[in-house]
Amino acid sequence: MQQAKLPKSVQEIVDVIGRERALYLVGALPSYTAGAAGKKSKRISFSVPTLSRLRDDHHLVRILGRSDAERMCREFGGENLYPANLAEIYRQYRTKMMRLMVREQGLSVATVADTLDVSERTVRNTCAA
């Protein structure tokens, strides 16, 4: 499966700690809902301490480990980062997986829905398209 192009806000992190670690970081960070009624979206933001202020109990160390957290501090120390939440990339991946699991692997709609934590209707609609 071809790797999806990442938004610039995430690619900047990828350039420092690698794709797998950056995606793991974005997925592990807490999100919040922002926006006016009808236009709400999940957002992610976090502050990166300077290297001298990085402590072992900091969330970057807990999520990434000391080495990658230090890389982040050297590159982004003192900044607030606002990476994209990658929801659209996950939706595209989930759609591909639903079709693969039902059409090529022959799994039942119920099994796929349970595995991907979506409704059976979502699986049926996706595979019918």
Protein backbone atom coordinates (compact mmCIF):
# COMPACT_ATOMS: atom_id res chain seq x y z
CA MET A 1 0.00 0.00 0.00
CA GLN A 2 1.39 3.40 -1.01
CA GLN A 3 2.14 5.78 1.83
CA ALA A 4 -0.19 8.76 2.00
CA LYS A 5 1.27 12.23 1.63
CA LEU A 6 1.28 13.90 5.01
CA PRO A 7 0.28 17.49 5.78
CA LYS A 8 3.19 19.92 6.13
CA SER A 9 2.56 20.28 9.87
CA VAL A 10 3.19 16.56 10.34
CA GLN A 11 5.94 16.28 7.70
CA GLU A 12 8.03 18.75 9.71
CA ILE A 13 7.93 16.31 12.63
CA VAL A 14 8.65 13.35 10.30
CA ASP A 15 11.80 15.13 9.13
CA VAL A 16 13.06 15.14 12.73
CA ILE A 17 12.01 11.77 14.19
CA GLY A 18 10.86 9.68 11.22
CA ARG A 19 7.47 8.75 9.82
CA GLU A 20 6.53 5.92 12.16
CA ARG A 21 7.46 7.84 15.31
CA ALA A 22 5.72 11.02 14.11
CA LEU A 23 2.50 9.17 13.32
CA TYR A 24 2.69 7.46 16.70
CA LEU A 25 3.17 10.84 18.42
CA VAL A 26 0.24 12.47 16.65
CA GLY A 27 -1.96 9.48 17.48
CA ALA A 28 -0.92 9.49 21.14
CA LEU A 29 -1.43 13.19 21.80
CA PRO A 30 -4.73 14.31 23.31
CA SER A 31 -7.05 16.21 21.00
CA TYR A 32 -9.61 18.88 21.68
CA THR A 33 -12.68 20.06 19.80
CA ALA A 34 -12.59 23.57 18.37
CA GLY A 35 -14.77 25.67 16.12
CA ALA A 36 -18.24 27.12 15.97
CA ALA A 37 -21.42 25.05 15.99
CA GLY A 38 -21.65 23.00 12.81
CA LYS A 39 -17.96 23.46 11.99
CA LYS A 40 -16.30 21.65 14.85
CA SER A 41 -13.15 19.65 14.36
CA LYS A 42 -10.63 17.76 16.43
CA ARG A 43 -7.38 19.64 16.91
CA ILE A 44 -4.02 18.76 18.38
CA SER A 45 -1.55 21.13 19.93
CA PHE A 46 1.40 20.72 22.23
CA SER A 47 4.35 22.71 23.45
CA VAL A 48 7.90 21.52 23.01
CA PRO A 49 10.18 22.50 25.86
CA THR A 50 13.72 23.67 25.38
CA LEU A 51 16.26 20.90 25.85
CA SER A 52 17.31 22.29 29.22
CA ARG A 53 13.69 22.07 30.48
CA LEU A 54 12.97 18.55 29.23
CA ARG A 55 12.23 16.28 32.18
CA ASP A 56 11.70 12.52 32.28
CA ASP A 57 8.03 12.97 33.20
CA HIS A 58 7.29 15.22 30.19
CA HIS A 59 4.66 13.81 27.80
CA LEU A 60 7.14 13.82 24.88
CA VAL A 61 9.52 11.58 26.83
CA ARG A 62 6.68 9.30 27.91
CA ILE A 63 5.38 8.98 24.31
CA LEU A 64 8.60 8.96 22.28
CA GLY A 65 11.39 8.07 24.68
CA ARG A 66 14.27 10.29 25.68
CA SER A 67 16.24 10.24 22.41
CA ASP A 68 13.39 11.30 20.09
CA ALA A 69 12.10 13.80 22.66
CA GLU A 70 15.53 15.42 22.69
CA ARG A 71 15.53 15.59 18.88
CA MET A 72 12.17 17.35 19.03
CA CYS A 73 13.54 19.82 21.60
CA ARG A 74 16.61 20.60 19.51
CA GLU A 75 14.45 21.31 16.46
CA PHE A 76 11.30 22.86 17.99
CA GLY A 77 12.30 23.81 21.55
CA GLY A 78 10.17 26.64 22.93
CA GLU A 79 7.53 26.35 20.18
CA ASN A 80 3.89 25.36 20.20
CA LEU A 81 3.12 22.83 17.46
CA TYR A 82 -0.25 22.28 15.83
CA PRO A 83 0.00 19.09 13.77
CA ALA A 84 -2.93 17.97 11.62
CA ASN A 85 -5.01 15.28 13.29
CA LEU A 86 -4.68 12.92 10.27
CA ALA A 87 -8.36 11.95 10.42
CA GLU A 88 -8.70 12.03 6.62
CA ILE A 89 -5.65 9.81 6.14
CA TYR A 90 -7.08 7.35 8.67
CA ARG A 91 -10.46 7.37 6.88
CA GLN A 92 -8.77 6.60 3.56
CA TYR A 93 -6.82 3.76 5.16
CA ARG A 94 -9.94 2.41 6.88
CA THR A 95 -11.86 2.45 3.59
CA LYS A 96 -9.12 0.49 1.82
CA MET A 97 -8.96 -2.00 4.68
CA MET A 98 -12.75 -2.53 4.71
CA ARG A 99 -12.76 -3.32 1.00
CA LEU A 100 -9.73 -5.58 1.28
CA MET A 101 -11.12 -7.50 4.25
CA VAL A 102 -14.58 -8.04 2.71
CA ARG A 103 -13.81 -8.41 -0.99
CA GLU A 104 -10.43 -10.14 -1.00
CA GLN A 105 -10.21 -11.86 2.37
CA GLY A 106 -13.88 -12.83 2.47
CA LEU A 107 -14.47 -11.70 6.04
CA SER A 108 -18.03 -11.04 7.14
CA VAL A 109 -19.37 -7.49 7.39
CA ALA A 110 -19.92 -8.03 11.12
CA THR A 111 -16.31 -9.15 11.68
CA VAL A 112 -14.90 -6.19 9.74
CA ALA A 113 -17.18 -3.74 11.57
CA ASP A 114 -16.07 -5.13 14.93
CA THR A 115 -12.39 -5.13 13.97
CA LEU A 116 -12.40 -1.54 12.70
CA ASP A 117 -14.83 -0.24 15.33
CA VAL A 118 -17.43 1.01 12.84
CA SER A 119 -21.04 0.07 12.21
CA GLU A 120 -22.02 -2.75 9.87
CA ARG A 121 -23.86 -0.17 7.80
CA THR A 122 -20.61 1.77 7.29
CA VAL A 123 -18.89 -1.40 6.06
CA ARG A 124 -21.78 -2.28 3.71
CA ASN A 125 -21.94 1.25 2.29
CA THR A 126 -18.19 1.46 1.81
CA CYS A 127 -17.93 -1.91 0.10
CA ALA A 128 -20.91 -1.17 -2.17
CA ALA A 129 -19.23 1.96 -3.55
